[in-house]
Each structure stands twice: as structure tokens, then as C-alpha cells.
Amino acid sequence: MPKIKINIFGEGVEFKRLYLPDDTIADWRERAERKQSSLSDKIIDPFFFYDLKHPLYSSLEVIPSQSISGMLDNPKNQLEIWFDRKKVMKWHAADLFSDMLLFPLFQIRKEILEEEFQSGIIIQQRERGQLATLELNVEEGKLNLDAMQFTIKNGLGNNFLTDISYKNKTLKFLKKETLIVGQSAIELL
């Protein structure tokens, strides 16, 4: 059975919306202000959690959260499409994000970031490397590029590619190999 495989390389972003009780946020904000800092600066500091000695929240990774990630709108980013172990196409992401193309290469669905990411504490991580390897088994022996659809989300000051589907079937995420190059936090009220 032939496979579609897509490799995504370049710079990406991951947003995590933290779910914390209001009294915990108020307590943490008070502790951050005592140290002449904001909660958004302290929450990405690992020593903040060490000083808290909270039984439930020992680090940022254990806080309940919802995340969304994708490839940023960066001209250096690249995508590769493989079909049946043969490279079909390789192109730069600028062709995907640009609205000025005379003939778009693919179907593009643009969406606005979900409501959950419009308020609360949001952690933003920037990463570089192989952002994703996606795969889908298909029945037919020929690849139809017109049946591919790319979902681009807009929010928090970024455009980023989140999902790729082929004939209304989302490609399955296999792996990523990235290096985190930056992390920041914002508090939206």
C-alpha cells in the first residue's frame, strides 16, 4: 500500500495555554511581585517552581495545558512530499503562505486561533529543525496534489501551518526532531 510522507523543516512555534485555578494564579502573581517581576517572566523560570515547593506543580511541564504547534511563516522553511518512497516535490514555505500567487499550488484553509488561546497564560516556544514527519497510507497508486489541503492558523501575532490533509484525511504525525531556541510567556486578560 503506497504512503504519502511529508517532512517539514525550518522554524516552528508551539503555544501552550495553561489551565490553573484562579487562587493559584493570584498566589503566584503575588510571589512574583514580591521579587519585582511579573508572573509571565517568572513562570518560565525553573527556579520559580523550586522556590514554590508546590506538591502538584513541580515544573512547567506538569501544569495542565492545551497546546497547538506548527511551522511559522518563514521563507527559509521547506516542505518535502514523498509518495511511495520517491520524492515528488520540495518547496519553500513562502509559496504556501503568500497571498500574491497567481496560481496557488495547493488548497489552503485559513482559520483564526481558537478561543482558548485568547485569554489566560500562554507559553510560546520557538523551535528549529525537523518540525514534523507526517504520513498517510492511501489506496490509489497515484498521488493527486490537488486533493491536498493545508490549514494555516492566524493568532498571537503569527501565521503558522498546523494541519495537512489528503482527501479529507489528516496525515498522521510520526516524529519531530527540534531544538528549542526561545521561550516566552504572555498573560492575556
N, C-alpha and C. Protein backbone atom coordinates (compact mmCIF):
# COMPACT_ATOMS: atom_id res chain seq x y z
N MET A 1 0.84 -1.18 0.00
CA MET A 1 0.00 0.00 0.00
C MET A 1 0.89 1.24 0.00
N PRO A 2 0.73 2.14 -0.97
CA PRO A 2 1.57 3.35 -1.04
C PRO A 2 1.31 4.30 0.13
N LYS A 3 2.34 5.07 0.46
CA LYS A 3 2.26 6.04 1.55
C LYS A 3 2.59 7.43 1.03
N ILE A 4 1.89 8.40 1.61
CA ILE A 4 2.28 9.81 1.43
C ILE A 4 3.05 10.17 2.69
N LYS A 5 4.22 10.76 2.50
CA LYS A 5 5.04 11.19 3.62
C LYS A 5 5.44 12.63 3.38
N ILE A 6 5.25 13.47 4.38
CA ILE A 6 5.62 14.88 4.28
C ILE A 6 6.58 15.21 5.40
N ASN A 7 7.73 15.77 5.04
CA ASN A 7 8.72 16.26 6.00
C ASN A 7 8.66 17.78 6.01
N ILE A 8 8.65 18.35 7.21
CA ILE A 8 8.60 19.80 7.38
C ILE A 8 9.86 20.22 8.13
N PHE A 9 10.65 21.12 7.52
CA PHE A 9 11.91 21.58 8.09
C PHE A 9 11.86 23.09 8.28
N GLY A 10 12.52 23.58 9.32
CA GLY A 10 12.64 25.03 9.49
C GLY A 10 12.36 25.48 10.90
N GLU A 11 11.67 26.62 10.99
CA GLU A 11 11.37 27.24 12.28
C GLU A 11 9.89 27.09 12.58
N GLY A 12 9.61 26.64 13.79
CA GLY A 12 8.22 26.44 14.19
C GLY A 12 7.93 27.10 15.52
N VAL A 13 6.68 26.99 15.92
CA VAL A 13 6.23 27.58 17.17
C VAL A 13 5.24 26.63 17.83
N GLU A 14 5.26 26.63 19.16
CA GLU A 14 4.27 25.88 19.92
C GLU A 14 3.70 26.80 20.99
N PHE A 15 2.38 26.86 21.05
CA PHE A 15 1.69 27.65 22.07
C PHE A 15 1.04 26.69 23.05
N LYS A 16 1.24 26.96 24.35
CA LYS A 16 0.59 26.18 25.40
C LYS A 16 -0.25 27.12 26.23
N ARG A 17 -1.53 26.80 26.35
CA ARG A 17 -2.44 27.58 27.19
C ARG A 17 -2.54 26.82 28.51
N LEU A 18 -2.08 27.43 29.60
CA LEU A 18 -2.05 26.77 30.90
C LEU A 18 -3.41 26.87 31.58
N TYR A 19 -3.81 25.78 32.23
CA TYR A 19 -5.06 25.75 32.99
C TYR A 19 -4.72 25.63 34.47
N LEU A 20 -4.84 26.76 35.17
CA LEU A 20 -4.55 26.83 36.60
C LEU A 20 -5.75 27.43 37.32
N PRO A 21 -6.00 27.01 38.57
CA PRO A 21 -7.08 27.64 39.36
C PRO A 21 -6.77 29.12 39.62
N ASP A 22 -7.82 29.92 39.74
CA ASP A 22 -7.65 31.37 39.94
C ASP A 22 -6.87 31.69 41.21
N ASP A 23 -7.12 30.94 42.29
CA ASP A 23 -6.40 31.22 43.54
C ASP A 23 -4.90 30.90 43.41
N THR A 24 -4.56 29.90 42.63
CA THR A 24 -3.15 29.58 42.39
C THR A 24 -2.48 30.69 41.58
N ILE A 25 -3.18 31.19 40.57
CA ILE A 25 -2.63 32.29 39.76
C ILE A 25 -2.42 33.52 40.63
N ALA A 26 -3.39 33.84 41.49
CA ALA A 26 -3.28 35.01 42.36
C ALA A 26 -2.09 34.85 43.32
N ASP A 27 -1.92 33.66 43.87
CA ASP A 27 -0.80 33.40 44.78
C ASP A 27 0.54 33.54 44.05
N TRP A 28 0.63 32.95 42.86
CA TRP A 28 1.88 33.02 42.09
C TRP A 28 2.18 34.45 41.65
N ARG A 29 1.13 35.21 41.29
CA ARG A 29 1.34 36.60 40.88
C ARG A 29 1.89 37.41 42.06
N GLU A 30 1.35 37.16 43.26
CA GLU A 30 1.82 37.86 44.46
C GLU A 30 3.29 37.52 44.75
N ARG A 31 3.65 36.25 44.61
CA ARG A 31 5.04 35.85 44.83
C ARG A 31 5.98 36.48 43.80
N ALA A 32 5.53 36.57 42.56
CA ALA A 32 6.36 37.18 41.51
C ALA A 32 6.54 38.67 41.79
N GLU A 33 5.49 39.35 42.24
CA GLU A 33 5.59 40.78 42.53
C GLU A 33 6.52 41.04 43.71
N ARG A 34 6.56 40.12 44.67
CA ARG A 34 7.49 40.27 45.79
C ARG A 34 8.94 40.24 45.32
N LYS A 35 9.18 39.58 44.21
CA LYS A 35 10.54 39.51 43.64
C LYS A 35 10.73 40.53 42.52
N GLN A 36 9.88 41.57 42.48
CA GLN A 36 9.93 42.65 41.49
C GLN A 36 9.93 42.11 40.06
N SER A 37 9.02 41.19 39.79
CA SER A 37 8.91 40.61 38.46
C SER A 37 7.45 40.33 38.14
N SER A 38 7.18 40.04 36.89
CA SER A 38 5.81 39.69 36.50
C SER A 38 5.65 38.17 36.50
N LEU A 39 4.42 37.72 36.57
CA LEU A 39 4.15 36.29 36.55
C LEU A 39 4.59 35.66 35.24
N SER A 40 4.40 36.37 34.13
CA SER A 40 4.80 35.81 32.84
C SER A 40 6.31 35.63 32.73
N ASP A 41 7.10 36.46 33.42
CA ASP A 41 8.55 36.27 33.43
C ASP A 41 8.96 35.12 34.36
N LYS A 42 8.31 35.02 35.49
CA LYS A 42 8.68 34.01 36.48
C LYS A 42 8.25 32.61 36.10
N ILE A 43 7.13 32.47 35.39
CA ILE A 43 6.60 31.13 35.12
C ILE A 43 7.50 30.32 34.19
N ILE A 44 8.34 30.98 33.40
CA ILE A 44 9.27 30.23 32.55
C ILE A 44 10.63 30.04 33.22
N ASP A 45 10.77 30.52 34.44
CA ASP A 45 12.00 30.36 35.21
C ASP A 45 11.91 29.06 36.03
N PRO A 46 12.79 28.08 35.79
CA PRO A 46 12.70 26.81 36.52
C PRO A 46 12.91 26.96 38.03
N PHE A 47 13.66 27.98 38.44
CA PHE A 47 13.89 28.19 39.87
C PHE A 47 12.64 28.69 40.57
N PHE A 48 11.71 29.27 39.84
CA PHE A 48 10.44 29.71 40.42
C PHE A 48 9.69 28.51 40.99
N PHE A 49 9.66 27.41 40.26
CA PHE A 49 8.96 26.21 40.73
C PHE A 49 9.70 25.56 41.89
N TYR A 50 11.02 25.65 41.89
CA TYR A 50 11.80 25.12 43.01
C TYR A 50 11.48 25.90 44.28
N ASP A 51 11.36 27.23 44.17
CA ASP A 51 11.04 28.06 45.33
C ASP A 51 9.61 27.85 45.80
N LEU A 52 8.70 27.52 44.88
CA LEU A 52 7.30 27.31 45.26
C LEU A 52 7.13 26.09 46.16
N LYS A 53 7.81 25.01 45.81
CA LYS A 53 7.67 23.73 46.50
C LYS A 53 6.20 23.31 46.57
N HIS A 54 5.51 23.50 45.46
CA HIS A 54 4.09 23.13 45.35
C HIS A 54 3.98 21.63 45.10
N PRO A 55 3.09 20.92 45.82
CA PRO A 55 3.02 19.46 45.65
C PRO A 55 2.51 19.02 44.27
N LEU A 56 1.70 19.84 43.61
CA LEU A 56 1.14 19.46 42.31
C LEU A 56 1.95 19.98 41.13
N TYR A 57 2.55 21.16 41.28
CA TYR A 57 3.21 21.82 40.15
C TYR A 57 4.71 21.94 40.42
N SER A 58 5.47 20.91 40.03
CA SER A 58 6.91 20.93 40.27
C SER A 58 7.68 21.55 39.09
N SER A 59 7.02 21.66 37.93
CA SER A 59 7.66 22.28 36.77
C SER A 59 6.57 22.73 35.80
N LEU A 60 6.99 23.43 34.78
CA LEU A 60 6.05 23.93 33.77
C LEU A 60 5.41 22.78 33.00
N GLU A 61 6.13 21.69 32.83
CA GLU A 61 5.63 20.57 32.03
C GLU A 61 4.47 19.83 32.67
N VAL A 62 4.32 19.88 33.99
CA VAL A 62 3.25 19.13 34.65
C VAL A 62 1.97 19.94 34.83
N ILE A 63 1.99 21.21 34.46
CA ILE A 63 0.77 22.03 34.55
C ILE A 63 -0.17 21.61 33.43
N PRO A 64 -1.45 21.37 33.75
CA PRO A 64 -2.41 21.01 32.68
C PRO A 64 -2.45 22.11 31.63
N SER A 65 -2.41 21.70 30.37
CA SER A 65 -2.38 22.69 29.29
C SER A 65 -2.96 22.12 28.02
N GLN A 66 -3.28 23.02 27.12
CA GLN A 66 -3.68 22.66 25.76
C GLN A 66 -2.65 23.29 24.84
N SER A 67 -2.17 22.53 23.87
CA SER A 67 -1.13 23.08 23.01
C SER A 67 -1.50 22.97 21.54
N ILE A 68 -0.89 23.86 20.77
CA ILE A 68 -1.02 23.84 19.32
C ILE A 68 0.34 24.25 18.76
N SER A 69 0.75 23.58 17.71
CA SER A 69 2.07 23.88 17.15
C SER A 69 2.01 23.84 15.64
N GLY A 70 3.03 24.41 15.03
CA GLY A 70 3.09 24.40 13.58
C GLY A 70 4.31 25.11 13.04
N MET A 71 4.40 25.12 11.71
CA MET A 71 5.51 25.75 11.01
C MET A 71 5.19 27.23 10.82
N LEU A 72 6.13 28.08 11.18
CA LEU A 72 5.95 29.53 11.04
C LEU A 72 6.06 29.97 9.58
N ASP A 73 5.53 31.15 9.33
CA ASP A 73 5.64 31.78 8.01
C ASP A 73 7.04 32.38 7.90
N ASN A 74 7.99 31.57 7.45
CA ASN A 74 9.38 31.97 7.33
C ASN A 74 9.87 31.51 5.96
N PRO A 75 10.47 32.39 5.15
CA PRO A 75 10.86 32.00 3.80
C PRO A 75 11.91 30.89 3.74
N LYS A 76 12.63 30.63 4.82
CA LYS A 76 13.65 29.58 4.81
C LYS A 76 13.06 28.19 5.05
N ASN A 77 11.84 28.10 5.56
CA ASN A 77 11.23 26.81 5.85
C ASN A 77 10.97 26.03 4.56
N GLN A 78 11.08 24.70 4.67
CA GLN A 78 10.90 23.84 3.49
C GLN A 78 9.97 22.68 3.81
N LEU A 79 9.29 22.21 2.78
CA LEU A 79 8.45 21.03 2.87
C LEU A 79 8.85 20.06 1.76
N GLU A 80 8.78 18.78 2.07
CA GLU A 80 9.04 17.73 1.09
C GLU A 80 7.85 16.79 1.06
N ILE A 81 7.43 16.42 -0.13
CA ILE A 81 6.38 15.42 -0.28
C ILE A 81 7.00 14.18 -0.91
N TRP A 82 6.80 13.04 -0.25
CA TRP A 82 7.27 11.75 -0.74
C TRP A 82 6.03 10.89 -1.01
N PHE A 83 6.08 10.13 -2.09
CA PHE A 83 5.00 9.19 -2.39
C PHE A 83 5.61 7.88 -2.84
N ASP A 84 5.26 6.84 -2.17
CA ASP A 84 5.76 5.50 -2.50
C ASP A 84 7.29 5.49 -2.53
N ARG A 85 7.91 6.11 -1.52
CA ARG A 85 9.36 6.19 -1.31
C ARG A 85 10.11 6.96 -2.40
N LYS A 86 9.41 7.83 -3.11
CA LYS A 86 10.05 8.69 -4.11
C LYS A 86 9.70 10.14 -3.80
N LYS A 87 10.72 11.01 -3.87
CA LYS A 87 10.47 12.43 -3.61
C LYS A 87 9.72 13.02 -4.80
N VAL A 88 8.54 13.57 -4.51
CA VAL A 88 7.69 14.14 -5.54
C VAL A 88 7.95 15.63 -5.68
N MET A 89 8.13 16.31 -4.54
CA MET A 89 8.21 17.77 -4.58
C MET A 89 8.93 18.28 -3.33
N LYS A 90 9.67 19.37 -3.52
CA LYS A 90 10.30 20.08 -2.42
C LYS A 90 10.16 21.56 -2.72
N TRP A 91 9.67 22.33 -1.74
CA TRP A 91 9.48 23.75 -1.98
C TRP A 91 9.59 24.53 -0.68
N HIS A 92 9.77 25.84 -0.83
CA HIS A 92 9.88 26.74 0.31
C HIS A 92 8.49 27.16 0.78
N ALA A 93 8.38 27.41 2.06
CA ALA A 93 7.09 27.73 2.66
C ALA A 93 6.52 29.06 2.19
N ALA A 94 7.36 29.92 1.65
CA ALA A 94 6.86 31.22 1.16
C ALA A 94 5.79 31.02 0.10
N ASP A 95 5.89 29.94 -0.68
CA ASP A 95 4.88 29.65 -1.69
C ASP A 95 3.56 29.22 -1.07
N LEU A 96 3.60 28.74 0.14
CA LEU A 96 2.40 28.27 0.82
C LEU A 96 1.67 29.42 1.51
N PHE A 97 2.41 30.33 2.12
CA PHE A 97 1.82 31.40 2.91
C PHE A 97 1.47 32.63 2.08
N SER A 98 2.05 32.78 0.92
CA SER A 98 1.87 34.00 0.13
C SER A 98 0.47 34.09 -0.47
N ASP A 99 -0.14 35.27 -0.34
CA ASP A 99 -1.44 35.53 -0.96
C ASP A 99 -1.28 36.08 -2.37
N MET A 100 -0.07 36.37 -2.77
CA MET A 100 0.18 37.04 -4.04
C MET A 100 0.47 36.08 -5.20
N LEU A 101 0.25 34.79 -5.01
CA LEU A 101 0.50 33.83 -6.09
C LEU A 101 -0.61 33.91 -7.13
N LEU A 102 -0.25 33.85 -8.38
CA LEU A 102 -1.23 33.86 -9.45
C LEU A 102 -2.03 32.56 -9.45
N PHE A 103 -1.33 31.45 -9.31
CA PHE A 103 -1.97 30.14 -9.23
C PHE A 103 -1.45 29.43 -7.98
N PRO A 104 -2.26 29.33 -6.93
CA PRO A 104 -1.80 28.65 -5.72
C PRO A 104 -1.49 27.18 -5.99
N LEU A 105 -0.46 26.67 -5.33
CA LEU A 105 -0.06 25.28 -5.53
C LEU A 105 -1.05 24.29 -4.91
N PHE A 106 -1.62 24.66 -3.77
CA PHE A 106 -2.48 23.75 -3.02
C PHE A 106 -3.72 24.47 -2.52
N GLN A 107 -4.67 23.68 -2.03
CA GLN A 107 -5.83 24.25 -1.35
C GLN A 107 -5.37 24.69 0.03
N ILE A 108 -5.74 25.90 0.39
CA ILE A 108 -5.33 26.43 1.69
C ILE A 108 -6.58 26.88 2.43
N ARG A 109 -6.69 26.41 3.67
CA ARG A 109 -7.80 26.81 4.54
C ARG A 109 -7.21 27.67 5.65
N LYS A 110 -7.68 28.90 5.75
CA LYS A 110 -7.18 29.82 6.77
C LYS A 110 -8.19 29.89 7.91
N GLU A 111 -7.67 29.80 9.13
CA GLU A 111 -8.51 29.84 10.33
C GLU A 111 -7.89 30.78 11.34
N ILE A 112 -8.73 31.21 12.27
CA ILE A 112 -8.26 32.04 13.39
C ILE A 112 -8.07 31.12 14.59
N LEU A 113 -7.07 31.39 15.38
CA LEU A 113 -6.75 30.57 16.55
C LEU A 113 -7.96 30.47 17.47
N GLU A 114 -8.12 29.32 18.11
CA GLU A 114 -9.28 29.04 18.95
C GLU A 114 -9.43 30.04 20.09
N GLU A 115 -10.64 30.09 20.63
CA GLU A 115 -10.97 30.98 21.75
C GLU A 115 -10.10 30.71 22.98
N GLU A 116 -9.73 29.45 23.20
CA GLU A 116 -8.96 29.10 24.40
C GLU A 116 -7.64 29.85 24.46
N PHE A 117 -7.12 30.22 23.30
CA PHE A 117 -5.83 30.89 23.24
C PHE A 117 -5.96 32.41 23.22
N GLN A 118 -7.14 32.93 23.51
CA GLN A 118 -7.35 34.37 23.51
C GLN A 118 -7.28 34.97 24.92
N SER A 119 -7.17 34.12 25.95
CA SER A 119 -7.05 34.62 27.32
C SER A 119 -6.27 33.61 28.15
N GLY A 120 -5.79 34.07 29.31
CA GLY A 120 -5.04 33.19 30.21
C GLY A 120 -3.54 33.34 30.04
N ILE A 121 -2.81 32.38 30.58
CA ILE A 121 -1.35 32.37 30.49
C ILE A 121 -0.96 31.48 29.32
N ILE A 122 -0.23 32.06 28.36
CA ILE A 122 0.18 31.36 27.15
C ILE A 122 1.71 31.28 27.14
N ILE A 123 2.24 30.07 26.97
CA ILE A 123 3.68 29.85 26.83
C ILE A 123 3.97 29.67 25.34
N GLN A 124 4.94 30.41 24.84
CA GLN A 124 5.33 30.31 23.44
C GLN A 124 6.75 29.76 23.37
N GLN A 125 6.92 28.66 22.63
CA GLN A 125 8.24 28.09 22.41
C GLN A 125 8.56 28.13 20.92
N ARG A 126 9.72 28.67 20.59
CA ARG A 126 10.18 28.65 19.20
C ARG A 126 11.19 27.52 19.07
N GLU A 127 11.10 26.79 17.96
CA GLU A 127 11.96 25.64 17.76
C GLU A 127 12.43 25.58 16.33
N ARG A 128 13.59 24.93 16.12
CA ARG A 128 14.16 24.76 14.78
C ARG A 128 14.55 23.31 14.58
N GLY A 129 14.47 22.90 13.33
CA GLY A 129 14.87 21.54 12.99
C GLY A 129 13.82 20.87 12.12
N GLN A 130 13.71 19.56 12.26
CA GLN A 130 12.67 18.83 11.55
C GLN A 130 11.40 18.93 12.39
N LEU A 131 10.51 19.82 11.97
CA LEU A 131 9.32 20.13 12.76
C LEU A 131 8.33 18.99 12.79
N ALA A 132 8.25 18.23 11.71
CA ALA A 132 7.29 17.12 11.69
C ALA A 132 7.59 16.19 10.53
N THR A 133 7.27 14.94 10.76
CA THR A 133 7.17 13.95 9.70
C THR A 133 5.76 13.41 9.78
N LEU A 134 5.01 13.58 8.70
CA LEU A 134 3.61 13.17 8.65
C LEU A 134 3.47 12.06 7.63
N GLU A 135 2.49 11.17 7.86
CA GLU A 135 2.35 10.02 6.97
C GLU A 135 0.88 9.62 6.86
N LEU A 136 0.54 9.07 5.68
CA LEU A 136 -0.82 8.58 5.44
C LEU A 136 -0.76 7.46 4.41
N ASN A 137 -1.37 6.33 4.72
CA ASN A 137 -1.50 5.23 3.75
C ASN A 137 -2.68 5.52 2.83
N VAL A 138 -2.47 5.33 1.54
CA VAL A 138 -3.54 5.59 0.56
C VAL A 138 -3.77 4.34 -0.29
N GLU A 139 -4.96 4.25 -0.84
CA GLU A 139 -5.33 3.08 -1.65
C GLU A 139 -4.82 3.19 -3.08
N GLU A 140 -4.99 4.37 -3.68
CA GLU A 140 -4.65 4.53 -5.10
C GLU A 140 -3.14 4.60 -5.30
N GLY A 141 -2.71 4.23 -6.48
CA GLY A 141 -1.29 4.19 -6.80
C GLY A 141 -0.75 5.47 -7.39
N LYS A 142 -1.56 6.53 -7.44
CA LYS A 142 -1.12 7.80 -8.00
C LYS A 142 -1.47 8.92 -7.03
N LEU A 143 -0.55 9.86 -6.87
CA LEU A 143 -0.75 10.99 -5.96
C LEU A 143 -1.42 12.14 -6.70
N ASN A 144 -2.49 12.67 -6.10
CA ASN A 144 -3.20 13.82 -6.66
C ASN A 144 -2.91 15.02 -5.76
N LEU A 145 -2.02 15.91 -6.19
CA LEU A 145 -1.65 17.07 -5.38
C LEU A 145 -2.81 18.04 -5.17
N ASP A 146 -3.78 18.02 -6.07
CA ASP A 146 -4.94 18.90 -5.92
C ASP A 146 -5.83 18.48 -4.75
N ALA A 147 -5.69 17.26 -4.27
CA ALA A 147 -6.50 16.78 -3.16
C ALA A 147 -5.88 17.11 -1.80
N MET A 148 -4.71 17.74 -1.79
CA MET A 148 -4.07 18.12 -0.52
C MET A 148 -4.61 19.45 -0.04
N GLN A 149 -4.82 19.52 1.28
CA GLN A 149 -5.31 20.75 1.87
C GLN A 149 -4.43 21.10 3.08
N PHE A 150 -3.99 22.35 3.13
CA PHE A 150 -3.13 22.84 4.20
C PHE A 150 -3.93 23.82 5.04
N THR A 151 -3.88 23.64 6.37
CA THR A 151 -4.59 24.53 7.30
C THR A 151 -3.58 25.48 7.92
N ILE A 152 -3.82 26.78 7.72
CA ILE A 152 -2.96 27.83 8.28
C ILE A 152 -3.77 28.60 9.31
N LYS A 153 -3.23 28.68 10.52
CA LYS A 153 -3.91 29.41 11.60
C LYS A 153 -3.23 30.76 11.80
N ASN A 154 -4.03 31.73 12.20
CA ASN A 154 -3.56 33.07 12.45
C ASN A 154 -3.94 33.43 13.88
N GLY A 155 -2.96 33.85 14.67
CA GLY A 155 -3.25 34.25 16.03
C GLY A 155 -1.97 34.53 16.80
N LEU A 156 -2.10 35.34 17.83
CA LEU A 156 -0.98 35.71 18.68
C LEU A 156 0.19 36.27 17.88
N GLY A 157 -0.13 37.00 16.82
CA GLY A 157 0.89 37.66 16.01
C GLY A 157 1.64 36.76 15.05
N ASN A 158 1.13 35.57 14.79
CA ASN A 158 1.83 34.63 13.91
C ASN A 158 0.87 33.97 12.94
N ASN A 159 1.39 33.62 11.77
CA ASN A 159 0.72 32.70 10.85
C ASN A 159 1.52 31.41 10.90
N PHE A 160 0.83 30.28 11.06
CA PHE A 160 1.57 29.02 11.09
C PHE A 160 0.72 27.87 10.56
N LEU A 161 1.41 26.95 9.90
CA LEU A 161 0.79 25.76 9.32
C LEU A 161 0.57 24.74 10.43
N THR A 162 -0.68 24.27 10.59
CA THR A 162 -0.97 23.33 11.67
C THR A 162 -1.32 21.94 11.19
N ASP A 163 -2.10 21.82 10.12
CA ASP A 163 -2.57 20.51 9.67
C ASP A 163 -2.43 20.38 8.16
N ILE A 164 -2.24 19.13 7.73
CA ILE A 164 -2.23 18.80 6.31
C ILE A 164 -3.14 17.60 6.13
N SER A 165 -4.03 17.69 5.16
CA SER A 165 -4.93 16.56 4.90
C SER A 165 -4.89 16.21 3.41
N TYR A 166 -5.23 14.96 3.14
CA TYR A 166 -5.29 14.46 1.77
C TYR A 166 -6.63 13.75 1.62
N LYS A 167 -7.46 14.26 0.72
CA LYS A 167 -8.81 13.73 0.50
C LYS A 167 -9.58 13.64 1.82
N ASN A 168 -9.54 14.73 2.58
CA ASN A 168 -10.23 14.89 3.86
C ASN A 168 -9.76 13.93 4.94
N LYS A 169 -8.59 13.35 4.80
CA LYS A 169 -7.98 12.52 5.84
C LYS A 169 -6.72 13.22 6.32
N THR A 170 -6.64 13.47 7.61
CA THR A 170 -5.48 14.17 8.17
C THR A 170 -4.28 13.24 8.22
N LEU A 171 -3.14 13.75 7.80
CA LEU A 171 -1.91 12.96 7.86
C LEU A 171 -1.50 12.76 9.32
N LYS A 172 -1.04 11.56 9.63
CA LYS A 172 -0.70 11.18 10.99
C LYS A 172 0.71 11.66 11.33
N PHE A 173 0.84 12.26 12.51
CA PHE A 173 2.14 12.75 12.99
C PHE A 173 2.99 11.56 13.42
N LEU A 174 4.24 11.50 12.94
CA LEU A 174 5.15 10.41 13.32
C LEU A 174 6.21 10.86 14.32
N LYS A 175 6.94 11.94 13.97
CA LYS A 175 8.03 12.36 14.85
C LYS A 175 8.43 13.79 14.55
N LYS A 176 9.21 14.35 15.47
CA LYS A 176 9.86 15.63 15.24
C LYS A 176 11.20 15.62 15.95
N GLU A 177 12.16 16.33 15.39
CA GLU A 177 13.49 16.44 15.96
C GLU A 177 13.88 17.91 15.93
N THR A 178 13.59 18.60 17.03
CA THR A 178 13.81 20.04 17.06
C THR A 178 14.64 20.44 18.27
N LEU A 179 15.12 21.65 18.18
CA LEU A 179 15.85 22.28 19.27
C LEU A 179 15.08 23.54 19.65
N ILE A 180 14.77 23.71 20.93
CA ILE A 180 14.06 24.90 21.38
C ILE A 180 15.06 26.06 21.40
N VAL A 181 14.73 27.13 20.67
CA VAL A 181 15.64 28.28 20.58
C VAL A 181 15.14 29.49 21.35
N GLY A 182 13.92 29.45 21.83
CA GLY A 182 13.39 30.57 22.59
C GLY A 182 12.10 30.20 23.28
N GLN A 183 11.89 30.82 24.43
CA GLN A 183 10.66 30.57 25.18
C GLN A 183 10.23 31.87 25.83
N SER A 184 8.94 32.15 25.76
CA SER A 184 8.41 33.34 26.41
C SER A 184 7.00 33.04 26.91
N ALA A 185 6.52 33.89 27.77
CA ALA A 185 5.16 33.73 28.31
C ALA A 185 4.45 35.06 28.24
N ILE A 186 3.16 35.01 27.98
CA ILE A 186 2.33 36.21 28.00
C ILE A 186 1.06 35.90 28.79
N GLU A 187 0.54 36.92 29.42
CA GLU A 187 -0.70 36.77 30.17
C GLU A 187 -1.75 37.66 29.51
N LEU A 188 -2.76 37.03 28.94
CA LEU A 188 -3.83 37.75 28.27
C LEU A 188 -5.05 37.78 29.17
N LEU A 189 -5.59 38.95 29.37
CA LEU A 189 -6.77 39.08 30.24
C LEU A 189 -8.04 39.15 29.44
